[in-house]
Amino acid sequence: MRKEKNINQKYSDSIESSSSSISRMNRRRFISLSALIGIGASIPLHSCVLDSRPEITAKRDPNLLSEKEWDTLIAVQESLFPHEENAPGAADINAAGYFQWVISDPLIDPAEIKFKIKGLFRLNEESMKLFMDDYSELNEKDQETVLNTISKISWGKSWMSTMLLLIFEALLTDPIYGANTDEKGWKWLDYTPGIPRPEKGKTYRDYTLNNGTKISSNDV
């Protein structure tokens, strides 16, 4: 009971700390503690009927994101979840590829997709306003300033929360789907996935109805 109380207190402290400061350590501590106390298990991955979506890839899809949007995505994910000596960063788990995969989902409300992408544009707008340069071109200190600024704005707080959630999903998903490369997220969190795990040829992309047709969004 005491241990549980201590963990919950640390988690509460992390939430408060993340709200008042966008420091990198607080963000990583927040996500790590969230996963360790089981929040990850309650977060649904995005739609599971996605045979029309492309494979998760670390390369930019020009049909989904412009070069500037891609550069901004890579930069802000690195700010939110940076690589450390003994911990994977956003790039290590292919979080950018996962973001592209999610915004290609035909089952997601187009307004949600627009919000995710427009956030990259608005982040750059704020970056230009403060430092007269794109976010991806700023040094770490100035990037932190931009994030701290938008975290005090309604859209910015909501958008950053969404970005963290997507990184969290990329951290925890089965590597067969392209993110969580080499199980780096699982290994970092000392997490044991549920059994049975999906296998090649037996993922949700391969599921069919009784009549042998592919599952579509109309069957959800």
C-alpha atoms as a PDB file:
ATOM      1  CA  MET A   1       0.000   0.000   0.000  1.00  0.00           C
ATOM      2  CA  ARG A   2       2.805   2.402   0.893  1.00  0.00           C
ATOM      3  CA  LYS A   3       4.647   1.615  -2.334  1.00  0.00           C
ATOM      4  CA  GLU A   4       1.476   2.240  -4.354  1.00  0.00           C
ATOM      5  CA  LYS A   5       0.965   5.549  -2.551  1.00  0.00           C
ATOM      6  CA  ASN A   6       4.519   6.604  -3.301  1.00  0.00           C
ATOM      7  CA  ILE A   7       4.166   5.734  -6.996  1.00  0.00           C
ATOM      8  CA  ASN A   8       0.889   7.623  -7.262  1.00  0.00           C
ATOM      9  CA  GLN A   9       2.430  10.623  -5.523  1.00  0.00           C
ATOM     10  CA  LYS A  10       5.374  10.588  -7.926  1.00  0.00           C
ATOM     11  CA  TYR A  11       2.960  10.365 -10.837  1.00  0.00           C
ATOM     12  CA  SER A  12       0.938  13.321  -9.532  1.00  0.00           C
ATOM     13  CA  ASP A  13       4.120  15.300  -9.031  1.00  0.00           C
ATOM     14  CA  SER A  14       5.151  14.512 -12.593  1.00  0.00           C
ATOM     15  CA  ILE A  15       1.840  15.743 -14.004  1.00  0.00           C
ATOM     16  CA  GLU A  16       2.107  18.976 -12.053  1.00  0.00           C
ATOM     17  CA  SER A  17       5.725  19.393 -13.068  1.00  0.00           C
ATOM     18  CA  SER A  18       4.941  18.734 -16.730  1.00  0.00           C
ATOM     19  CA  SER A  19       2.187  21.339 -16.642  1.00  0.00           C
ATOM     20  CA  SER A  20       4.368  24.039 -15.139  1.00  0.00           C
ATOM     21  CA  SER A  21       7.613  23.287 -16.953  1.00  0.00           C
ATOM     22  CA  ILE A  22       8.380  21.643 -20.291  1.00  0.00           C
ATOM     23  CA  SER A  23      11.791  20.377 -19.220  1.00  0.00           C
ATOM     24  CA  ARG A  24      12.951  17.231 -20.985  1.00  0.00           C
ATOM     25  CA  MET A  25      13.534  15.280 -17.788  1.00  0.00           C
ATOM     26  CA  ASN A  26       9.999  15.929 -16.562  1.00  0.00           C
ATOM     27  CA  ARG A  27       8.496  14.789 -19.830  1.00  0.00           C
ATOM     28  CA  ARG A  28      10.446  11.534 -19.854  1.00  0.00           C
ATOM     29  CA  ARG A  29       9.728  10.948 -16.157  1.00  0.00           C
ATOM     30  CA  PHE A  30       6.036  11.594 -16.752  1.00  0.00           C
ATOM     31  CA  ILE A  31       5.791   9.091 -19.604  1.00  0.00           C
ATOM     32  CA  SER A  32       7.914   6.489 -17.850  1.00  0.00           C
ATOM     33  CA  LEU A  33       5.883   6.609 -14.655  1.00  0.00           C
ATOM     34  CA  SER A  34       2.621   6.595 -16.615  1.00  0.00           C
ATOM     35  CA  ALA A  35       3.626   3.361 -18.324  1.00  0.00           C
ATOM     36  CA  LEU A  36       4.946   1.766 -15.151  1.00  0.00           C
ATOM     37  CA  ILE A  37       1.727   2.281 -13.197  1.00  0.00           C
ATOM     38  CA  GLY A  38      -0.318   0.788 -15.996  1.00  0.00           C
ATOM     39  CA  ILE A  39      -1.779   3.757 -17.834  1.00  0.00           C
ATOM     40  CA  GLY A  40      -0.401   2.397 -21.081  1.00  0.00           C
ATOM     41  CA  ALA A  41      -2.712  -0.585 -20.876  1.00  0.00           C
ATOM     42  CA  SER A  42      -5.760   1.695 -20.900  1.00  0.00           C
ATOM     43  CA  ILE A  43      -4.715   3.719 -23.945  1.00  0.00           C
ATOM     44  CA  PRO A  44      -6.267   2.274 -27.121  1.00  0.00           C
ATOM     45  CA  LEU A  45      -4.052   2.242 -30.168  1.00  0.00           C
ATOM     46  CA  HIS A  46      -5.566   3.947 -33.178  1.00  0.00           C
ATOM     47  CA  SER A  47      -8.084   2.046 -35.275  1.00  0.00           C
ATOM     48  CA  CYS A  48      -7.391  -1.625 -35.806  1.00  0.00           C
ATOM     49  CA  VAL A  49      -9.038  -2.072 -39.216  1.00  0.00           C
ATOM     50  CA  LEU A  50      -6.538  -0.448 -41.466  1.00  0.00           C
ATOM     51  CA  ASP A  51      -5.802  -2.527 -44.531  1.00  0.00           C
ATOM     52  CA  SER A  52      -5.742   0.621 -46.705  1.00  0.00           C
ATOM     53  CA  ARG A  53      -3.066   2.333 -44.632  1.00  0.00           C
ATOM     54  CA  PRO A  54       0.593   2.261 -45.658  1.00  0.00           C
ATOM     55  CA  GLU A  55       3.190   0.428 -43.615  1.00  0.00           C
ATOM     56  CA  ILE A  56       4.840   2.417 -40.857  1.00  0.00           C
ATOM     57  CA  THR A  57       8.017   3.861 -42.288  1.00  0.00           C
ATOM     58  CA  ALA A  58      10.735   6.245 -41.178  1.00  0.00           C
ATOM     59  CA  LYS A  59      10.611   7.963 -44.581  1.00  0.00           C
ATOM     60  CA  ARG A  60       8.408  10.949 -45.327  1.00  0.00           C
ATOM     61  CA  ASP A  61       5.312  10.260 -47.375  1.00  0.00           C
ATOM     62  CA  PRO A  62       4.881  13.307 -49.654  1.00  0.00           C
ATOM     63  CA  ASN A  63       1.177  12.508 -49.914  1.00  0.00           C
ATOM     64  CA  LEU A  64       0.805  13.073 -46.185  1.00  0.00           C
ATOM     65  CA  LEU A  65       3.357  15.665 -45.077  1.00  0.00           C
ATOM     66  CA  SER A  66       5.385  18.390 -46.730  1.00  0.00           C
ATOM     67  CA  GLU A  67       9.138  18.494 -46.215  1.00  0.00           C
ATOM     68  CA  LYS A  68       8.785  21.362 -43.737  1.00  0.00           C
ATOM     69  CA  GLU A  69       6.061  19.535 -41.809  1.00  0.00           C
ATOM     70  CA  TRP A  70       8.229  16.417 -41.664  1.00  0.00           C
ATOM     71  CA  ASP A  71      11.265  18.346 -40.420  1.00  0.00           C
ATOM     72  CA  THR A  72       9.120  20.036 -37.785  1.00  0.00           C
ATOM     73  CA  LEU A  73       7.625  16.707 -36.720  1.00  0.00           C
ATOM     74  CA  ILE A  74      11.053  15.122 -36.275  1.00  0.00           C
ATOM     75  CA  ALA A  75      12.293  18.127 -34.303  1.00  0.00           C
ATOM     76  CA  VAL A  76       9.344  18.450 -31.938  1.00  0.00           C
ATOM     77  CA  GLN A  77       9.226  14.718 -31.240  1.00  0.00           C
ATOM     78  CA  GLU A  78      12.910  14.866 -30.360  1.00  0.00           C
ATOM     79  CA  SER A  79      12.174  17.766 -28.014  1.00  0.00           C
ATOM     80  CA  LEU A  80       9.322  15.900 -26.348  1.00  0.00           C
ATOM     81  CA  PHE A  81      11.037  12.528 -26.155  1.00  0.00           C
ATOM     82  CA  PRO A  82      14.811  12.865 -26.675  1.00  0.00           C
ATOM     83  CA  HIS A  83      17.319  10.059 -26.907  1.00  0.00           C
ATOM     84  CA  GLU A  84      19.355   9.542 -23.763  1.00  0.00           C
ATOM     85  CA  GLU A  85      22.291   7.309 -22.941  1.00  0.00           C
ATOM     86  CA  ASN A  86      20.169   4.532 -21.477  1.00  0.00           C
ATOM     87  CA  ALA A  87      16.805   5.328 -23.005  1.00  0.00           C
ATOM     88  CA  PRO A  88      15.377   5.433 -26.530  1.00  0.00           C
ATOM     89  CA  GLY A  89      14.215   8.671 -28.087  1.00  0.00           C
ATOM     90  CA  ALA A  90      11.408   9.366 -30.539  1.00  0.00           C
ATOM     91  CA  ALA A  91      13.634   8.614 -33.527  1.00  0.00           C
ATOM     92  CA  ASP A  92      14.725   5.292 -32.000  1.00  0.00           C
ATOM     93  CA  ILE A  93      11.128   4.040 -31.873  1.00  0.00           C
ATOM     94  CA  ASN A  94      10.138   5.502 -35.281  1.00  0.00           C
ATOM     95  CA  ALA A  95       7.605   7.869 -33.727  1.00  0.00           C
ATOM     96  CA  ALA A  96       7.518  10.007 -36.880  1.00  0.00           C
ATOM     97  CA  GLY A  97       6.639   7.013 -39.008  1.00  0.00           C
ATOM     98  CA  TYR A  98       3.915   6.108 -36.550  1.00  0.00           C
ATOM     99  CA  PHE A  99       2.512   9.656 -36.739  1.00  0.00           C
ATOM    100  CA  GLN A 100       2.272   9.341 -40.524  1.00  0.00           C
ATOM    101  CA  TRP A 101       0.630   5.953 -40.165  1.00  0.00           C
ATOM    102  CA  VAL A 102      -2.017   7.377 -37.837  1.00  0.00           C
ATOM    103  CA  ILE A 103      -2.886  10.392 -40.004  1.00  0.00           C
ATOM    104  CA  SER A 104      -3.379   8.051 -42.961  1.00  0.00           C
ATOM    105  CA  ASP A 105      -6.124   6.189 -41.089  1.00  0.00           C
ATOM    106  CA  PRO A 106      -9.422   6.554 -43.015  1.00  0.00           C
ATOM    107  CA  LEU A 107     -11.369   5.757 -39.844  1.00  0.00           C
ATOM    108  CA  ILE A 108     -10.130   8.791 -37.922  1.00  0.00           C
ATOM    109  CA  ASP A 109     -12.223  11.955 -37.993  1.00  0.00           C
ATOM    110  CA  PRO A 110     -10.656  14.245 -40.633  1.00  0.00           C
ATOM    111  CA  ALA A 111     -10.892  17.099 -38.117  1.00  0.00           C
ATOM    112  CA  GLU A 112      -8.573  15.187 -35.776  1.00  0.00           C
ATOM    113  CA  ILE A 113      -6.069  14.597 -38.550  1.00  0.00           C
ATOM    114  CA  LYS A 114      -6.220  18.259 -39.538  1.00  0.00           C
ATOM    115  CA  PHE A 115      -5.607  19.269 -35.912  1.00  0.00           C
ATOM    116  CA  LYS A 116      -2.524  17.080 -35.673  1.00  0.00           C
ATOM    117  CA  ILE A 117      -1.012  18.413 -38.902  1.00  0.00           C
ATOM    118  CA  LYS A 118      -2.030  22.033 -38.384  1.00  0.00           C
ATOM    119  CA  GLY A 119      -0.273  21.945 -35.037  1.00  0.00           C
ATOM    120  CA  LEU A 120       3.024  21.583 -36.884  1.00  0.00           C
ATOM    121  CA  PHE A 121       2.208  24.727 -38.880  1.00  0.00           C
ATOM    122  CA  ARG A 122       1.169  26.669 -35.785  1.00  0.00           C
ATOM    123  CA  LEU A 123       4.302  25.578 -33.960  1.00  0.00           C
ATOM    124  CA  ASN A 124       6.369  27.046 -36.777  1.00  0.00           C
ATOM    125  CA  GLU A 125       4.260  30.203 -36.684  1.00  0.00           C
ATOM    126  CA  GLU A 126       5.113  30.667 -33.019  1.00  0.00           C
ATOM    127  CA  SER A 127       8.760  29.875 -33.732  1.00  0.00           C
ATOM    128  CA  MET A 128       8.883  32.543 -36.447  1.00  0.00           C
ATOM    129  CA  LYS A 129       7.163  35.042 -34.154  1.00  0.00           C
ATOM    130  CA  LEU A 130       9.670  34.496 -31.359  1.00  0.00           C
ATOM    131  CA  PHE A 131      12.903  33.762 -33.223  1.00  0.00           C
ATOM    132  CA  MET A 132      12.302  34.473 -36.917  1.00  0.00           C
ATOM    133  CA  ASP A 133      13.156  30.905 -37.904  1.00  0.00           C
ATOM    134  CA  ASP A 134      11.542  27.506 -38.312  1.00  0.00           C
ATOM    135  CA  TYR A 135      11.296  25.334 -35.216  1.00  0.00           C
ATOM    136  CA  SER A 136      13.564  22.664 -36.692  1.00  0.00           C
ATOM    137  CA  GLU A 137      16.327  25.258 -37.169  1.00  0.00           C
ATOM    138  CA  LEU A 138      16.324  26.491 -33.569  1.00  0.00           C
ATOM    139  CA  ASN A 139      18.764  25.420 -30.896  1.00  0.00           C
ATOM    140  CA  GLU A 140      17.511  23.330 -27.997  1.00  0.00           C
ATOM    141  CA  LYS A 141      17.065  26.269 -25.642  1.00  0.00           C
ATOM    142  CA  ASP A 142      14.964  28.244 -28.112  1.00  0.00           C
ATOM    143  CA  GLN A 143      12.876  25.174 -28.958  1.00  0.00           C
ATOM    144  CA  GLU A 144      12.125  24.814 -25.252  1.00  0.00           C
ATOM    145  CA  THR A 145      11.018  28.444 -25.180  1.00  0.00           C
ATOM    146  CA  VAL A 146       8.613  27.863 -28.049  1.00  0.00           C
ATOM    147  CA  LEU A 147       7.142  24.761 -26.380  1.00  0.00           C
ATOM    148  CA  ASN A 148       6.768  26.574 -23.072  1.00  0.00           C
ATOM    149  CA  THR A 149       4.964  29.375 -24.881  1.00  0.00           C
ATOM    150  CA  ILE A 150       2.419  27.204 -26.705  1.00  0.00           C
ATOM    151  CA  SER A 151       1.869  25.056 -23.602  1.00  0.00           C
ATOM    152  CA  LYS A 152       0.169  28.089 -22.062  1.00  0.00           C
ATOM    153  CA  ILE A 153      -2.252  28.347 -24.995  1.00  0.00           C
ATOM    154  CA  SER A 154      -5.322  26.110 -25.221  1.00  0.00           C
ATOM    155  CA  TRP A 155      -4.573  24.649 -28.650  1.00  0.00           C
ATOM    156  CA  GLY A 156      -0.891  24.207 -27.820  1.00  0.00           C
ATOM    157  CA  LYS A 157      -1.523  22.348 -24.581  1.00  0.00           C
ATOM    158  CA  SER A 158      -3.997  20.031 -26.308  1.00  0.00           C
ATOM    159  CA  TRP A 159      -1.735  19.487 -29.306  1.00  0.00           C
ATOM    160  CA  MET A 160       1.327  18.699 -27.188  1.00  0.00           C
ATOM    161  CA  SER A 161      -0.727  16.217 -25.187  1.00  0.00           C
ATOM    162  CA  THR A 162      -1.779  14.550 -28.442  1.00  0.00           C
ATOM    163  CA  MET A 163       1.816  14.414 -29.669  1.00  0.00           C
ATOM    164  CA  LEU A 164       2.952  12.808 -26.427  1.00  0.00           C
ATOM    165  CA  LEU A 165       0.148  10.255 -26.648  1.00  0.00           C
ATOM    166  CA  LEU A 166       1.213   9.257 -30.160  1.00  0.00           C
ATOM    167  CA  ILE A 167       4.815   8.908 -29.009  1.00  0.00           C
ATOM    168  CA  PHE A 168       3.565   6.785 -26.128  1.00  0.00           C
ATOM    169  CA  GLU A 169       1.698   4.537 -28.565  1.00  0.00           C
ATOM    170  CA  ALA A 170       4.798   4.206 -30.753  1.00  0.00           C
ATOM    171  CA  LEU A 171       6.734   3.260 -27.630  1.00  0.00           C
ATOM    172  CA  LEU A 172       4.348   0.458 -26.687  1.00  0.00           C
ATOM    173  CA  THR A 173       3.079  -0.990 -29.968  1.00  0.00           C
ATOM    174  CA  ASP A 174       4.261  -4.367 -31.237  1.00  0.00           C
ATOM    175  CA  PRO A 175       7.329  -3.939 -33.505  1.00  0.00           C
ATOM    176  CA  ILE A 176       5.567  -5.944 -36.229  1.00  0.00           C
ATOM    177  CA  TYR A 177       3.654  -2.764 -36.981  1.00  0.00           C
ATOM    178  CA  GLY A 178       6.848  -0.803 -37.612  1.00  0.00           C
ATOM    179  CA  ALA A 179       7.174   1.341 -34.479  1.00  0.00           C
ATOM    180  CA  ASN A 180       8.895   0.418 -31.188  1.00  0.00           C
ATOM    181  CA  THR A 181      11.883  -0.609 -33.291  1.00  0.00           C
ATOM    182  CA  ASP A 182      13.724  -3.683 -31.972  1.00  0.00           C
ATOM    183  CA  GLU A 183      11.424  -3.618 -28.920  1.00  0.00           C
ATOM    184  CA  LYS A 184      13.404  -0.644 -27.600  1.00  0.00           C
ATOM    185  CA  GLY A 185      10.388   0.790 -25.810  1.00  0.00           C
ATOM    186  CA  TRP A 186       9.551  -2.484 -24.134  1.00  0.00           C
ATOM    187  CA  LYS A 187      13.135  -3.093 -23.086  1.00  0.00           C
ATOM    188  CA  TRP A 188      13.466   0.393 -21.637  1.00  0.00           C
ATOM    189  CA  LEU A 189      10.268  -0.038 -19.598  1.00  0.00           C
ATOM    190  CA  ASP A 190      11.094  -3.681 -18.765  1.00  0.00           C
ATOM    191  CA  TYR A 191       7.698  -4.529 -20.221  1.00  0.00           C
ATOM    192  CA  THR A 192       6.549  -8.030 -21.162  1.00  0.00           C
ATOM    193  CA  PRO A 193       3.953  -7.991 -23.984  1.00  0.00           C
ATOM    194  CA  GLY A 194       0.799 -10.055 -23.866  1.00  0.00           C
ATOM    195  CA  ILE A 195       0.596 -13.486 -25.479  1.00  0.00           C
ATOM    196  CA  PRO A 196      -0.112 -14.340 -28.212  1.00  0.00           C
ATOM    197  CA  ARG A 197       1.679 -11.600 -30.092  1.00  0.00           C
ATOM    198  CA  PRO A 198       0.719 -10.815 -33.703  1.00  0.00           C
ATOM    199  CA  GLU A 199       2.674 -12.693 -36.350  1.00  0.00           C
ATOM    200  CA  LYS A 200       3.500 -11.871 -39.942  1.00  0.00           C
ATOM    201  CA  GLY A 201       0.471 -12.771 -42.013  1.00  0.00           C
ATOM    202  CA  LYS A 202      -1.719 -12.757 -38.904  1.00  0.00           C
ATOM    203  CA  THR A 203      -1.945  -9.086 -37.999  1.00  0.00           C
ATOM    204  CA  TYR A 204      -5.176  -7.107 -38.079  1.00  0.00           C
ATOM    205  CA  ARG A 205      -4.371  -6.198 -41.684  1.00  0.00           C
ATOM    206  CA  ASP A 206      -4.842  -9.848 -42.546  1.00  0.00           C
ATOM    207  CA  TYR A 207      -8.137 -10.414 -40.765  1.00  0.00           C
ATOM    208  CA  THR A 208     -11.095 -11.381 -42.930  1.00  0.00           C
ATOM    209  CA  LEU A 209     -14.793 -11.823 -42.472  1.00  0.00           C
ATOM    210  CA  ASN A 210     -16.475 -15.219 -42.624  1.00  0.00           C
ATOM    211  CA  ASN A 211     -17.110 -14.777 -46.321  1.00  0.00           C
ATOM    212  CA  GLY A 212     -13.400 -14.263 -46.951  1.00  0.00           C
ATOM    213  CA  THR A 213     -13.514 -10.522 -47.653  1.00  0.00           C
ATOM    214  CA  LYS A 214     -11.204  -8.037 -45.995  1.00  0.00           C
ATOM    215  CA  ILE A 215     -12.521  -6.191 -42.983  1.00  0.00           C
ATOM    216  CA  SER A 216     -13.364  -2.601 -43.892  1.00  0.00           C
ATOM    217  CA  SER A 217     -14.242   0.535 -41.962  1.00  0.00           C
ATOM    218  CA  ASN A 218     -17.936  -0.322 -42.427  1.00  0.00           C
ATOM    219  CA  ASP A 219     -17.452  -3.451 -40.343  1.00  0.00           C
ATOM    220  CA  VAL A 220     -16.155  -1.655 -37.264  1.00  0.00           C
END
